[in-house]
């Protein structure tokens, strides 16, 4: 079961890296403001949640990891607000919502979808 989650995390990391590469600073395609401004802010907390919960099975532990990821992302955004550039230099209050969306969607996906898929695979 853990190996399935590891494979999922590796594939997710590759997907996020490809999306980040495609939607770089020179992206000129459709939905530019959302894709270039917020998609990575949703996907990175989503990815980090799964990376840091690989060893955890209990829901409470997973939620605490999600809170930690959101707190760290919020702290980084606050530093940007104070003109201290760490992992970026542009403060955007909507980034807080993007981080929260990423963490909550990761928790829900983990608890509702991923566990059922893995359990079903092992039942066969």
PDB file of N, CA and C in Angstrom:
ATOM      1  N   UNK A   1       0.832  -1.189   0.000  1.00  0.00           N
ATOM      2  CA  UNK A   1       0.000   0.000   0.000  1.00  0.00           C
ATOM      3  C   UNK A   1       0.876   1.252   0.000  1.00  0.00           C
ATOM      4  N   UNK A   2       1.951   1.237   0.785  1.00  0.00           N
ATOM      5  CA  UNK A   2       2.864   2.389   0.836  1.00  0.00           C
ATOM      6  C   UNK A   2       3.540   2.586  -0.512  1.00  0.00           C
ATOM      7  N   UNK A   3       3.875   1.479  -1.196  1.00  0.00           N
ATOM      8  CA  UNK A   3       4.528   1.598  -2.499  1.00  0.00           C
ATOM      9  C   UNK A   3       3.619   2.280  -3.513  1.00  0.00           C
ATOM     10  N   UNK A   4       2.325   2.004  -3.446  1.00  0.00           N
ATOM     11  CA  UNK A   4       1.380   2.659  -4.350  1.00  0.00           C
ATOM     12  C   UNK A   4       1.355   4.161  -4.123  1.00  0.00           C
ATOM     13  N   UNK A   5       1.411   4.562  -2.861  1.00  0.00           N
ATOM     14  CA  UNK A   5       1.427   5.996  -2.549  1.00  0.00           C
ATOM     15  C   UNK A   5       2.730   6.630  -2.999  1.00  0.00           C
ATOM     16  N   UNK A   6       3.835   5.907  -2.861  1.00  0.00           N
ATOM     17  CA  UNK A   6       5.119   6.440  -3.329  1.00  0.00           C
ATOM     18  C   UNK A   6       5.100   6.667  -4.838  1.00  0.00           C
ATOM     19  N   UNK A   7       4.568   5.716  -5.559  1.00  0.00           N
ATOM     20  CA  UNK A   7       4.459   5.861  -7.013  1.00  0.00           C
ATOM     21  C   UNK A   7       3.578   7.056  -7.347  1.00  0.00           C
ATOM     22  N   UNK A   8       2.476   7.213  -6.626  1.00  0.00           N
ATOM     23  CA  UNK A   8       1.588   8.354  -6.847  1.00  0.00           C
ATOM     24  C   UNK A   8       2.330   9.669  -6.603  1.00  0.00           C
ATOM     25  N   UNK A   9       3.115   9.749  -5.531  1.00  0.00           N
ATOM     26  CA  UNK A   9       3.852  10.975  -5.209  1.00  0.00           C
ATOM     27  C   UNK A   9       4.900  11.271  -6.278  1.00  0.00           C
ATOM     28  N   UNK A  10       5.576  10.258  -6.757  1.00  0.00           N
ATOM     29  CA  UNK A  10       6.577  10.465  -7.816  1.00  0.00           C
ATOM     30  C   UNK A  10       5.909  10.967  -9.089  1.00  0.00           C
ATOM     31  N   UNK A  11       4.816  10.347  -9.475  1.00  0.00           N
ATOM     32  CA  UNK A  11       4.095  10.797 -10.677  1.00  0.00           C
ATOM     33  C   UNK A  11       3.555  12.214 -10.492  1.00  0.00           C
ATOM     34  N   UNK A  12       3.072  12.514  -9.306  1.00  0.00           N
ATOM     35  CA  UNK A  12       2.572  13.860  -9.015  1.00  0.00           C
ATOM     36  C   UNK A  12       3.699  14.885  -9.100  1.00  0.00           C
ATOM     37  N   UNK A  13       4.873  14.544  -8.596  1.00  0.00           N
ATOM     38  CA  UNK A  13       6.025  15.449  -8.666  1.00  0.00           C
ATOM     39  C   UNK A  13       6.401  15.726 -10.119  1.00  0.00           C
ATOM     40  N   UNK A  14       6.400  14.694 -10.929  1.00  0.00           N
ATOM     41  CA  UNK A  14       6.721  14.867 -12.349  1.00  0.00           C
ATOM     42  C   UNK A  14       5.679  15.744 -13.024  1.00  0.00           C
ATOM     43  N   UNK A  15       4.414  15.498 -12.729  1.00  0.00           N
ATOM     44  CA  UNK A  15       3.334  16.300 -13.316  1.00  0.00           C
ATOM     45  C   UNK A  15       3.455  17.770 -12.919  1.00  0.00           C
ATOM     46  N   UNK A  16       3.686  18.038 -11.647  1.00  0.00           N
ATOM     47  CA  UNK A  16       3.814  19.420 -11.176  1.00  0.00           C
ATOM     48  C   UNK A  16       5.019  20.088 -11.836  1.00  0.00           C
ATOM     49  N   UNK A  17       6.123  19.358 -11.964  1.00  0.00           N
ATOM     50  CA  UNK A  17       7.319  19.926 -12.603  1.00  0.00           C
ATOM     51  C   UNK A  17       7.046  20.257 -14.068  1.00  0.00           C
ATOM     52  N   UNK A  18       6.372  19.380 -14.769  1.00  0.00           N
ATOM     53  CA  UNK A  18       6.045  19.635 -16.183  1.00  0.00           C
ATOM     54  C   UNK A  18       5.126  20.840 -16.308  1.00  0.00           C
ATOM     55  N   UNK A  19       4.106  20.904 -15.470  1.00  0.00           N
ATOM     56  CA  UNK A  19       3.185  22.045 -15.511  1.00  0.00           C
ATOM     57  C   UNK A  19       3.930  23.332 -15.188  1.00  0.00           C
ATOM     58  N   UNK A  20       4.804  23.288 -14.192  1.00  0.00           N
ATOM     59  CA  UNK A  20       5.576  24.471 -13.825  1.00  0.00           C
ATOM     60  C   UNK A  20       6.489  24.906 -14.980  1.00  0.00           C
ATOM     61  N   UNK A  21       7.047  23.953 -15.683  1.00  0.00           N
ATOM     62  CA  UNK A  21       7.905  24.256 -16.827  1.00  0.00           C
ATOM     63  C   UNK A  21       7.092  24.870 -17.969  1.00  0.00           C
ATOM     64  N   UNK A  22       5.922  24.311 -18.246  1.00  0.00           N
ATOM     65  CA  UNK A  22       5.074  24.808 -19.338  1.00  0.00           C
ATOM     66  C   UNK A  22       4.523  26.194 -19.015  1.00  0.00           C
ATOM     67  N   UNK A  23       4.105  26.391 -17.778  1.00  0.00           N
ATOM     68  CA  UNK A  23       3.508  27.662 -17.377  1.00  0.00           C
ATOM     69  C   UNK A  23       4.567  28.525 -16.702  1.00  0.00           C
ATOM     70  N   UNK A  24       5.662  28.678 -17.357  1.00  0.00           N
ATOM     71  CA  UNK A  24       6.727  29.522 -16.831  1.00  0.00           C
ATOM     72  C   UNK A  24       6.401  30.993 -17.023  1.00  0.00           C
ATOM     73  N   UNK A  25       7.367  31.857 -16.798  1.00  0.00           N
ATOM     74  CA  UNK A  25       7.129  33.298 -16.897  1.00  0.00           C
ATOM     75  C   UNK A  25       6.771  33.768 -18.306  1.00  0.00           C
ATOM     76  N   UNK A  26       7.042  32.948 -19.313  1.00  0.00           N
ATOM     77  CA  UNK A  26       6.753  33.349 -20.692  1.00  0.00           C
ATOM     78  C   UNK A  26       5.447  32.776 -21.221  1.00  0.00           C
ATOM     79  N   UNK A  27       4.644  32.184 -20.369  1.00  0.00           N
ATOM     80  CA  UNK A  27       3.384  31.593 -20.805  1.00  0.00           C
ATOM     81  C   UNK A  27       2.458  32.677 -21.344  1.00  0.00           C
ATOM     82  N   UNK A  28       1.909  32.454 -22.532  1.00  0.00           N
ATOM     83  CA  UNK A  28       1.021  33.429 -23.170  1.00  0.00           C
ATOM     84  C   UNK A  28      -0.314  32.814 -23.588  1.00  0.00           C
ATOM     85  N   UNK A  29      -0.610  31.618 -23.113  1.00  0.00           N
ATOM     86  CA  UNK A  29      -1.812  30.908 -23.525  1.00  0.00           C
ATOM     87  C   UNK A  29      -3.064  31.368 -22.800  1.00  0.00           C
ATOM     88  N   UNK A  30      -4.132  30.586 -22.956  1.00  0.00           N
ATOM     89  CA  UNK A  30      -5.407  30.940 -22.319  1.00  0.00           C
ATOM     90  C   UNK A  30      -5.330  30.855 -20.793  1.00  0.00           C
ATOM     91  N   UNK A  31      -6.177  31.623 -20.142  1.00  0.00           N
ATOM     92  CA  UNK A  31      -6.267  31.666 -18.683  1.00  0.00           C
ATOM     93  C   UNK A  31      -4.921  32.018 -18.045  1.00  0.00           C
ATOM     94  N   UNK A  32      -4.185  32.907 -18.696  1.00  0.00           N
ATOM     95  CA  UNK A  32      -2.833  33.254 -18.261  1.00  0.00           C
ATOM     96  C   UNK A  32      -2.783  33.692 -16.800  1.00  0.00           C
ATOM     97  N   UNK A  33      -3.680  34.560 -16.373  1.00  0.00           N
ATOM     98  CA  UNK A  33      -3.581  35.077 -15.001  1.00  0.00           C
ATOM     99  C   UNK A  33      -3.800  33.974 -13.966  1.00  0.00           C
ATOM    100  N   UNK A  34      -4.721  33.064 -14.231  1.00  0.00           N
ATOM    101  CA  UNK A  34      -4.941  31.967 -13.284  1.00  0.00           C
ATOM    102  C   UNK A  34      -3.804  30.949 -13.350  1.00  0.00           C
ATOM    103  N   UNK A  35      -3.470  30.508 -14.548  1.00  0.00           N
ATOM    104  CA  UNK A  35      -2.466  29.464 -14.691  1.00  0.00           C
ATOM    105  C   UNK A  35      -1.085  29.919 -14.222  1.00  0.00           C
ATOM    106  N   UNK A  36      -0.688  31.115 -14.612  1.00  0.00           N
ATOM    107  CA  UNK A  36       0.633  31.605 -14.236  1.00  0.00           C
ATOM    108  C   UNK A  36       0.655  32.127 -12.800  1.00  0.00           C
ATOM    109  N   UNK A  37      -0.490  32.567 -12.293  1.00  0.00           N
ATOM    110  CA  UNK A  37      -0.507  33.184 -10.975  1.00  0.00           C
ATOM    111  C   UNK A  37      -0.916  32.285  -9.832  1.00  0.00           C
ATOM    112  N   UNK A  38      -1.787  31.303 -10.092  1.00  0.00           N
ATOM    113  CA  UNK A  38      -2.361  30.558  -8.972  1.00  0.00           C
ATOM    114  C   UNK A  38      -2.263  29.036  -9.072  1.00  0.00           C
ATOM    115  N   UNK A  39      -2.155  28.503 -10.262  1.00  0.00           N
ATOM    116  CA  UNK A  39      -2.168  27.042 -10.383  1.00  0.00           C
ATOM    117  C   UNK A  39      -1.027  26.390  -9.605  1.00  0.00           C
ATOM    118  N   UNK A  40       0.171  26.913  -9.719  1.00  0.00           N
ATOM    119  CA  UNK A  40       1.295  26.346  -8.979  1.00  0.00           C
ATOM    120  C   UNK A  40       1.100  26.544  -7.475  1.00  0.00           C
ATOM    121  N   UNK A  41       0.462  27.645  -7.076  1.00  0.00           N
ATOM    122  CA  UNK A  41       0.188  27.882  -5.652  1.00  0.00           C
ATOM    123  C   UNK A  41      -0.845  26.899  -5.100  1.00  0.00           C
ATOM    124  N   UNK A  42      -1.591  26.271  -5.976  1.00  0.00           N
ATOM    125  CA  UNK A  42      -2.516  25.205  -5.575  1.00  0.00           C
ATOM    126  C   UNK A  42      -1.803  23.854  -5.623  1.00  0.00           C
ATOM    127  N   UNK A  43      -1.055  23.619  -6.698  1.00  0.00           N
ATOM    128  CA  UNK A  43      -0.437  22.315  -6.903  1.00  0.00           C
ATOM    129  C   UNK A  43       0.716  22.011  -5.945  1.00  0.00           C
ATOM    130  N   UNK A  44       1.516  23.018  -5.603  1.00  0.00           N
ATOM    131  CA  UNK A  44       2.645  22.749  -4.705  1.00  0.00           C
ATOM    132  C   UNK A  44       2.199  22.305  -3.313  1.00  0.00           C
ATOM    133  N   UNK A  45       1.248  22.981  -2.655  1.00  0.00           N
ATOM    134  CA  UNK A  45       0.776  22.451  -1.364  1.00  0.00           C
ATOM    135  C   UNK A  45       0.131  21.064  -1.513  1.00  0.00           C
ATOM    136  N   UNK A  46      -0.571  20.849  -2.627  1.00  0.00           N
ATOM    137  CA  UNK A  46      -1.172  19.542  -2.909  1.00  0.00           C
ATOM    138  C   UNK A  46      -0.080  18.477  -2.934  1.00  0.00           C
ATOM    139  N   UNK A  47       0.996  18.739  -3.681  1.00  0.00           N
ATOM    140  CA  UNK A  47       2.105  17.792  -3.782  1.00  0.00           C
ATOM    141  C   UNK A  47       2.805  17.603  -2.435  1.00  0.00           C
ATOM    142  N   UNK A  48       3.142  18.696  -1.758  1.00  0.00           N
ATOM    143  CA  UNK A  48       3.867  18.581  -0.497  1.00  0.00           C
ATOM    144  C   UNK A  48       3.057  17.835   0.562  1.00  0.00           C
ATOM    145  N   UNK A  49       1.743  17.978   0.535  1.00  0.00           N
ATOM    146  CA  UNK A  49       0.906  17.218   1.462  1.00  0.00           C
ATOM    147  C   UNK A  49       1.161  15.724   1.281  1.00  0.00           C
ATOM    148  N   UNK A  50       1.114  15.257   0.042  1.00  0.00           N
ATOM    149  CA  UNK A  50       1.308  13.827  -0.196  1.00  0.00           C
ATOM    150  C   UNK A  50       2.739  13.390   0.094  1.00  0.00           C
ATOM    151  N   UNK A  51       3.702  14.227  -0.204  1.00  0.00           N
ATOM    152  CA  UNK A  51       5.089  13.904   0.087  1.00  0.00           C
ATOM    153  C   UNK A  51       5.300  13.717   1.588  1.00  0.00           C
ATOM    154  N   UNK A  52       4.758  14.625   2.383  1.00  0.00           N
ATOM    155  CA  UNK A  52       4.994  14.588   3.824  1.00  0.00           C
ATOM    156  C   UNK A  52       4.044  13.667   4.587  1.00  0.00           C
ATOM    157  N   UNK A  53       3.037  13.122   3.922  1.00  0.00           N
ATOM    158  CA  UNK A  53       2.141  12.182   4.612  1.00  0.00           C
ATOM    159  C   UNK A  53       2.371  10.737   4.184  1.00  0.00           C
ATOM    160  N   UNK A  54       3.439  10.474   3.457  1.00  0.00           N
ATOM    161  CA  UNK A  54       3.718   9.101   3.033  1.00  0.00           C
ATOM    162  C   UNK A  54       3.803   8.130   4.207  1.00  0.00           C
ATOM    163  N   UNK A  55       4.345   8.571   5.304  1.00  0.00           N
ATOM    164  CA  UNK A  55       4.558   7.688   6.462  1.00  0.00           C
ATOM    165  C   UNK A  55       3.375   7.669   7.429  1.00  0.00           C
ATOM    166  N   UNK A  56       2.367   8.498   7.169  1.00  0.00           N
ATOM    167  CA  UNK A  56       1.258   8.603   8.118  1.00  0.00           C
ATOM    168  C   UNK A  56       0.009   7.900   7.596  1.00  0.00           C
ATOM    169  N   UNK A  57      -0.694   7.239   8.524  1.00  0.00           N
ATOM    170  CA  UNK A  57      -1.947   6.581   8.173  1.00  0.00           C
ATOM    171  C   UNK A  57      -3.149   7.211   8.875  1.00  0.00           C
ATOM    172  N   UNK A  58      -2.904   7.850  10.010  1.00  0.00           N
ATOM    173  CA  UNK A  58      -4.014   8.399  10.783  1.00  0.00           C
ATOM    174  C   UNK A  58      -4.449   9.750  10.221  1.00  0.00           C
ATOM    175  N   UNK A  59      -5.752   9.966  10.227  1.00  0.00           N
ATOM    176  CA  UNK A  59      -6.324  11.189   9.673  1.00  0.00           C
ATOM    177  C   UNK A  59      -5.819  12.417  10.418  1.00  0.00           C
ATOM    178  N   UNK A  60      -5.744  12.337  11.734  1.00  0.00           N
ATOM    179  CA  UNK A  60      -5.297  13.487  12.528  1.00  0.00           C
ATOM    180  C   UNK A  60      -3.882  13.899  12.134  1.00  0.00           C
ATOM    181  N   UNK A  61      -2.996  12.935  11.924  1.00  0.00           N
ATOM    182  CA  UNK A  61      -1.630  13.235  11.510  1.00  0.00           C
ATOM    183  C   UNK A  61      -1.625  13.932  10.148  1.00  0.00           C
ATOM    184  N   UNK A  62      -2.437  13.442   9.236  1.00  0.00           N
ATOM    185  CA  UNK A  62      -2.494  14.007   7.890  1.00  0.00           C
ATOM    186  C   UNK A  62      -3.016  15.445   7.920  1.00  0.00           C
ATOM    187  N   UNK A  63      -4.012  15.683   8.741  1.00  0.00           N
ATOM    188  CA  UNK A  63      -4.556  17.037   8.851  1.00  0.00           C
ATOM    189  C   UNK A  63      -3.509  17.978   9.459  1.00  0.00           C
ATOM    190  N   UNK A  64      -2.773  17.499  10.443  1.00  0.00           N
ATOM    191  CA  UNK A  64      -1.718  18.327  11.036  1.00  0.00           C
ATOM    192  C   UNK A  64      -0.634  18.656  10.009  1.00  0.00           C
ATOM    193  N   UNK A  65      -0.301  17.722   9.151  1.00  0.00           N
ATOM    194  CA  UNK A  65       0.657  17.999   8.078  1.00  0.00           C
ATOM    195  C   UNK A  65       0.095  19.074   7.158  1.00  0.00           C
ATOM    196  N   UNK A  66      -1.184  18.960   6.808  1.00  0.00           N
ATOM    197  CA  UNK A  66      -1.824  19.971   5.966  1.00  0.00           C
ATOM    198  C   UNK A  66      -1.801  21.351   6.601  1.00  0.00           C
ATOM    199  N   UNK A  67      -2.068  21.416   7.893  1.00  0.00           N
ATOM    200  CA  UNK A  67      -2.015  22.697   8.615  1.00  0.00           C
ATOM    201  C   UNK A  67      -0.595  23.251   8.594  1.00  0.00           C
ATOM    202  N   UNK A  68       0.382  22.388   8.771  1.00  0.00           N
ATOM    203  CA  UNK A  68       1.774  22.827   8.728  1.00  0.00           C
ATOM    204  C   UNK A  68       2.171  23.375   7.368  1.00  0.00           C
ATOM    205  N   UNK A  69       1.754  22.709   6.315  1.00  0.00           N
ATOM    206  CA  UNK A  69       2.068  23.172   4.954  1.00  0.00           C
ATOM    207  C   UNK A  69       1.402  24.515   4.694  1.00  0.00           C
ATOM    208  N   UNK A  70       0.141  24.648   5.069  1.00  0.00           N
ATOM    209  CA  UNK A  70      -0.547  25.920   4.885  1.00  0.00           C
ATOM    210  C   UNK A  70       0.128  27.023   5.696  1.00  0.00           C
ATOM    211  N   UNK A  71       0.526  26.715   6.912  1.00  0.00           N
ATOM    212  CA  UNK A  71       1.188  27.713   7.768  1.00  0.00           C
ATOM    213  C   UNK A  71       2.514  28.167   7.166  1.00  0.00           C
ATOM    214  N   UNK A  72       3.291  27.233   6.655  1.00  0.00           N
ATOM    215  CA  UNK A  72       4.566  27.591   6.039  1.00  0.00           C
ATOM    216  C   UNK A  72       4.353  28.444   4.787  1.00  0.00           C
ATOM    217  N   UNK A  73       3.406  28.047   3.952  1.00  0.00           N
ATOM    218  CA  UNK A  73       3.116  28.828   2.742  1.00  0.00           C
ATOM    219  C   UNK A  73       2.622  30.227   3.103  1.00  0.00           C
ATOM    220  N   UNK A  74       1.796  30.324   4.135  1.00  0.00           N
ATOM    221  CA  UNK A  74       1.295  31.613   4.594  1.00  0.00           C
ATOM    222  C   UNK A  74       2.431  32.485   5.128  1.00  0.00           C
ATOM    223  N   UNK A  75       3.353  31.868   5.862  1.00  0.00           N
ATOM    224  CA  UNK A  75       4.498  32.618   6.391  1.00  0.00           C
ATOM    225  C   UNK A  75       5.365  33.152   5.254  1.00  0.00           C
ATOM    226  N   UNK A  76       5.566  32.348   4.231  1.00  0.00           N
ATOM    227  CA  UNK A  76       6.360  32.790   3.076  1.00  0.00           C
ATOM    228  C   UNK A  76       5.662  33.950   2.367  1.00  0.00           C
ATOM    229  N   UNK A  77       4.352  33.852   2.231  1.00  0.00           N
ATOM    230  CA  UNK A  77       3.604  34.940   1.587  1.00  0.00           C
ATOM    231  C   UNK A  77       3.667  36.211   2.436  1.00  0.00           C
ATOM    232  N   UNK A  78       3.593  36.060   3.738  1.00  0.00           N
ATOM    233  CA  UNK A  78       3.709  37.216   4.627  1.00  0.00           C
ATOM    234  C   UNK A  78       5.079  37.885   4.482  1.00  0.00           C
ATOM    235  N   UNK A  79       6.119  37.084   4.364  1.00  0.00           N
ATOM    236  CA  UNK A  79       7.456  37.645   4.159  1.00  0.00           C
ATOM    237  C   UNK A  79       7.520  38.427   2.840  1.00  0.00           C
ATOM    238  N   UNK A  80       6.828  37.945   1.839  1.00  0.00           N
ATOM    239  CA  UNK A  80       6.758  38.690   0.578  1.00  0.00           C
ATOM    240  C   UNK A  80       6.045  40.022   0.781  1.00  0.00           C
ATOM    241  N   UNK A  81       5.020  40.023   1.597  1.00  0.00           N
ATOM    242  CA  UNK A  81       4.313  41.258   1.928  1.00  0.00           C
ATOM    243  C   UNK A  81       5.251  42.257   2.602  1.00  0.00           C
ATOM    244  N   UNK A  82       6.165  41.754   3.434  1.00  0.00           N
ATOM    245  CA  UNK A  82       7.126  42.598   4.140  1.00  0.00           C
ATOM    246  C   UNK A  82       8.359  42.885   3.275  1.00  0.00           C
ATOM    247  N   UNK A  83       8.288  42.555   1.976  1.00  0.00           N
ATOM    248  CA  UNK A  83       9.368  42.785   0.998  1.00  0.00           C
ATOM    249  C   UNK A  83      10.622  41.968   1.305  1.00  0.00           C
ATOM    250  N   UNK A  84      10.422  40.803   1.894  1.00  0.00           N
ATOM    251  CA  UNK A  84      11.518  39.859   2.116  1.00  0.00           C
ATOM    252  C   UNK A  84      11.271  38.699   1.156  1.00  0.00           C
ATOM    253  N   UNK A  85      11.971  38.697   0.052  1.00  0.00           N
ATOM    254  CA  UNK A  85      11.712  37.724  -1.004  1.00  0.00           C
ATOM    255  C   UNK A  85      12.307  36.356  -0.740  1.00  0.00           C
ATOM    256  N   UNK A  86      11.460  35.420  -0.368  1.00  0.00           N
ATOM    257  CA  UNK A  86      11.845  34.015  -0.243  1.00  0.00           C
ATOM    258  C   UNK A  86      10.895  33.238  -1.138  1.00  0.00           C
ATOM    259  N   UNK A  87      11.434  32.520  -2.109  1.00  0.00           N
ATOM    260  CA  UNK A  87      10.622  31.764  -3.066  1.00  0.00           C
ATOM    261  C   UNK A  87       9.664  32.679  -3.824  1.00  0.00           C
ATOM    262  N   UNK A  88      10.090  33.863  -4.130  1.00  0.00           N
ATOM    263  CA  UNK A  88       9.261  34.818  -4.859  1.00  0.00           C
ATOM    264  C   UNK A  88       9.306  36.167  -4.184  1.00  0.00           C
ATOM    265  N   UNK A  89       8.786  37.155  -4.881  1.00  0.00           N
ATOM    266  CA  UNK A  89       8.849  38.502  -4.314  1.00  0.00           C
ATOM    267  C   UNK A  89       7.553  39.285  -4.487  1.00  0.00           C
ATOM    268  N   UNK A  90       6.536  38.670  -5.060  1.00  0.00           N
ATOM    269  CA  UNK A  90       5.291  39.375  -5.324  1.00  0.00           C
ATOM    270  C   UNK A  90       4.217  38.924  -4.347  1.00  0.00           C
ATOM    271  N   UNK A  91       3.785  39.814  -3.488  1.00  0.00           N
ATOM    272  CA  UNK A  91       2.708  39.504  -2.549  1.00  0.00           C
ATOM    273  C   UNK A  91       1.375  39.561  -3.267  1.00  0.00           C
ATOM    274  N   UNK A  92       0.545  38.561  -3.014  1.00  0.00           N
ATOM    275  CA  UNK A  92      -0.799  38.519  -3.569  1.00  0.00           C
ATOM    276  C   UNK A  92      -1.714  37.896  -2.521  1.00  0.00           C
ATOM    277  N   UNK A  93      -2.686  38.639  -1.996  1.00  0.00           N
ATOM    278  CA  UNK A  93      -3.543  38.068  -0.947  1.00  0.00           C
ATOM    279  C   UNK A  93      -4.348  36.862  -1.421  1.00  0.00           C
ATOM    280  N   UNK A  94      -4.582  36.736  -2.725  1.00  0.00           N
ATOM    281  CA  UNK A  94      -5.308  35.571  -3.236  1.00  0.00           C
ATOM    282  C   UNK A  94      -4.472  34.297  -3.161  1.00  0.00           C
ATOM    283  N   UNK A  95      -3.166  34.444  -2.982  1.00  0.00           N
ATOM    284  CA  UNK A  95      -2.317  33.259  -2.818  1.00  0.00           C
ATOM    285  C   UNK A  95      -2.708  32.472  -1.569  1.00  0.00           C
ATOM    286  N   UNK A  96      -3.160  33.163  -0.520  1.00  0.00           N
ATOM    287  CA  UNK A  96      -3.607  32.462   0.685  1.00  0.00           C
ATOM    288  C   UNK A  96      -4.749  31.502   0.348  1.00  0.00           C
ATOM    289  N   UNK A  97      -5.666  31.960  -0.469  1.00  0.00           N
ATOM    290  CA  UNK A  97      -6.788  31.121  -0.894  1.00  0.00           C
ATOM    291  C   UNK A  97      -6.293  29.961  -1.756  1.00  0.00           C
ATOM    292  N   UNK A  98      -5.321  30.218  -2.610  1.00  0.00           N
ATOM    293  CA  UNK A  98      -4.762  29.152  -3.448  1.00  0.00           C
ATOM    294  C   UNK A  98      -4.089  28.087  -2.586  1.00  0.00           C
ATOM    295  N   UNK A  99      -3.320  28.509  -1.578  1.00  0.00           N
ATOM    296  CA  UNK A  99      -2.666  27.550  -0.685  1.00  0.00           C
ATOM    297  C   UNK A  99      -3.702  26.713   0.063  1.00  0.00           C
ATOM    298  N   UNK A 100      -4.730  27.382   0.556  1.00  0.00           N
ATOM    299  CA  UNK A 100      -5.782  26.676   1.282  1.00  0.00           C
ATOM    300  C   UNK A 100      -6.507  25.690   0.370  1.00  0.00           C
ATOM    301  N   UNK A 101      -6.769  26.107  -0.853  1.00  0.00           N
ATOM    302  CA  UNK A 101      -7.410  25.221  -1.830  1.00  0.00           C
ATOM    303  C   UNK A 101      -6.546  23.992  -2.087  1.00  0.00           C
ATOM    304  N   UNK A 102      -5.242  24.183  -2.232  1.00  0.00           N
ATOM    305  CA  UNK A 102      -4.338  23.066  -2.464  1.00  0.00           C
ATOM    306  C   UNK A 102      -4.315  22.083  -1.322  1.00  0.00           C
ATOM    307  N   UNK A 103      -4.247  22.595  -0.102  1.00  0.00           N
ATOM    308  CA  UNK A 103      -4.181  21.715   1.073  1.00  0.00           C
ATOM    309  C   UNK A 103      -5.506  20.988   1.277  1.00  0.00           C
ATOM    310  N   UNK A 104      -6.605  21.716   1.219  1.00  0.00           N
ATOM    311  CA  UNK A 104      -7.913  21.073   1.446  1.00  0.00           C
ATOM    312  C   UNK A 104      -8.216  20.051   0.358  1.00  0.00           C
ATOM    313  N   UNK A 105      -7.926  20.382  -0.888  1.00  0.00           N
ATOM    314  CA  UNK A 105      -8.194  19.421  -1.958  1.00  0.00           C
ATOM    315  C   UNK A 105      -7.304  18.188  -1.820  1.00  0.00           C
ATOM    316  N   UNK A 106      -6.057  18.347  -1.338  1.00  0.00           N
ATOM    317  CA  UNK A 106      -5.181  17.194  -1.117  1.00  0.00           C
ATOM    318  C   UNK A 106      -5.737  16.297  -0.017  1.00  0.00           C
ATOM    319  N   UNK A 107      -6.169  16.902   1.078  1.00  0.00           N
ATOM    320  CA  UNK A 107      -6.724  16.110   2.174  1.00  0.00           C
ATOM    321  C   UNK A 107      -7.969  15.359   1.715  1.00  0.00           C
ATOM    322  N   UNK A 108      -8.860  16.049   1.030  1.00  0.00           N
ATOM    323  CA  UNK A 108     -10.081  15.395   0.551  1.00  0.00           C
ATOM    324  C   UNK A 108      -9.775  14.300  -0.460  1.00  0.00           C
ATOM    325  N   UNK A 109      -8.862  14.581  -1.384  1.00  0.00           N
ATOM    326  CA  UNK A 109      -8.489  13.576  -2.378  1.00  0.00           C
ATOM    327  C   UNK A 109      -7.876  12.354  -1.699  1.00  0.00           C
ATOM    328  N   UNK A 110      -7.045  12.582  -0.715  1.00  0.00           N
ATOM    329  CA  UNK A 110      -6.406  11.487   0.009  1.00  0.00           C
ATOM    330  C   UNK A 110      -7.436  10.641   0.741  1.00  0.00           C
ATOM    331  N   UNK A 111      -8.313  11.286   1.473  1.00  0.00           N
ATOM    332  CA  UNK A 111      -9.247  10.554   2.325  1.00  0.00           C
ATOM    333  C   UNK A 111     -10.431   9.963   1.574  1.00  0.00           C
ATOM    334  N   UNK A 112     -10.840  10.605   0.495  1.00  0.00           N
ATOM    335  CA  UNK A 112     -12.029  10.135  -0.211  1.00  0.00           C
ATOM    336  C   UNK A 112     -11.678   9.271  -1.417  1.00  0.00           C
ATOM    337  N   UNK A 113     -10.689   9.678  -2.189  1.00  0.00           N
ATOM    338  CA  UNK A 113     -10.412   9.003  -3.459  1.00  0.00           C
ATOM    339  C   UNK A 113      -9.237   8.030  -3.361  1.00  0.00           C
ATOM    340  N   UNK A 114      -8.091   8.516  -2.963  1.00  0.00           N
ATOM    341  CA  UNK A 114      -6.869   7.715  -3.038  1.00  0.00           C
ATOM    342  C   UNK A 114      -6.932   6.468  -2.165  1.00  0.00           C
ATOM    343  N   UNK A 115      -7.363   6.602  -0.942  1.00  0.00           N
ATOM    344  CA  UNK A 115      -7.451   5.430  -0.076  1.00  0.00           C
ATOM    345  C   UNK A 115      -8.402   4.379  -0.642  1.00  0.00           C
ATOM    346  N   UNK A 116      -9.498   4.796  -1.237  1.00  0.00           N
ATOM    347  CA  UNK A 116     -10.439   3.841  -1.828  1.00  0.00           C
ATOM    348  C   UNK A 116      -9.826   3.134  -3.036  1.00  0.00           C
ATOM    349  N   UNK A 117      -9.096   3.878  -3.850  1.00  0.00           N
ATOM    350  CA  UNK A 117      -8.455   3.276  -5.020  1.00  0.00           C
ATOM    351  C   UNK A 117      -7.424   2.242  -4.583  1.00  0.00           C
ATOM    352  N   UNK A 118      -6.619   2.591  -3.600  1.00  0.00           N
ATOM    353  CA  UNK A 118      -5.574   1.676  -3.135  1.00  0.00           C
ATOM    354  C   UNK A 118      -6.186   0.449  -2.459  1.00  0.00           C
ATOM    355  N   UNK A 119      -7.206   0.670  -1.631  1.00  0.00           N
ATOM    356  CA  UNK A 119      -7.862  -0.462  -0.976  1.00  0.00           C
ATOM    357  C   UNK A 119      -8.511  -1.384  -1.993  1.00  0.00           C
ATOM    358  N   UNK A 120      -9.150  -0.811  -3.011  1.00  0.00           N
ATOM    359  CA  UNK A 120      -9.802  -1.608  -4.046  1.00  0.00           C
ATOM    360  C   UNK A 120      -8.779  -2.419  -4.824  1.00  0.00           C
ATOM    361  N   UNK A 121      -7.631  -1.822  -5.100  1.00  0.00           N
ATOM    362  CA  UNK A 121      -6.580  -2.512  -5.839  1.00  0.00           C
ATOM    363  C   UNK A 121      -6.066  -3.716  -5.045  1.00  0.00           C
ATOM    364  N   UNK A 122      -5.943  -3.570  -3.729  1.00  0.00           N
ATOM    365  CA  UNK A 122      -5.458  -4.661  -2.901  1.00  0.00           C
ATOM    366  C   UNK A 122      -6.523  -5.733  -2.655  1.00  0.00           C
ATOM    367  N   UNK A 123      -7.773  -5.391  -2.832  1.00  0.00           N
ATOM    368  CA  UNK A 123      -8.856  -6.364  -2.638  1.00  0.00           C
ATOM    369  C   UNK A 123      -8.959  -7.311  -3.819  1.00  0.00           C
ATOM    370  N   UNK A 124      -8.442  -6.885  -4.957  1.00  0.00           N
ATOM    371  CA  UNK A 124      -8.572  -7.718  -6.174  1.00  0.00           C
ATOM    372  C   UNK A 124      -7.598  -8.850  -6.149  1.00  0.00           C
TER     373      UNK A 124
END
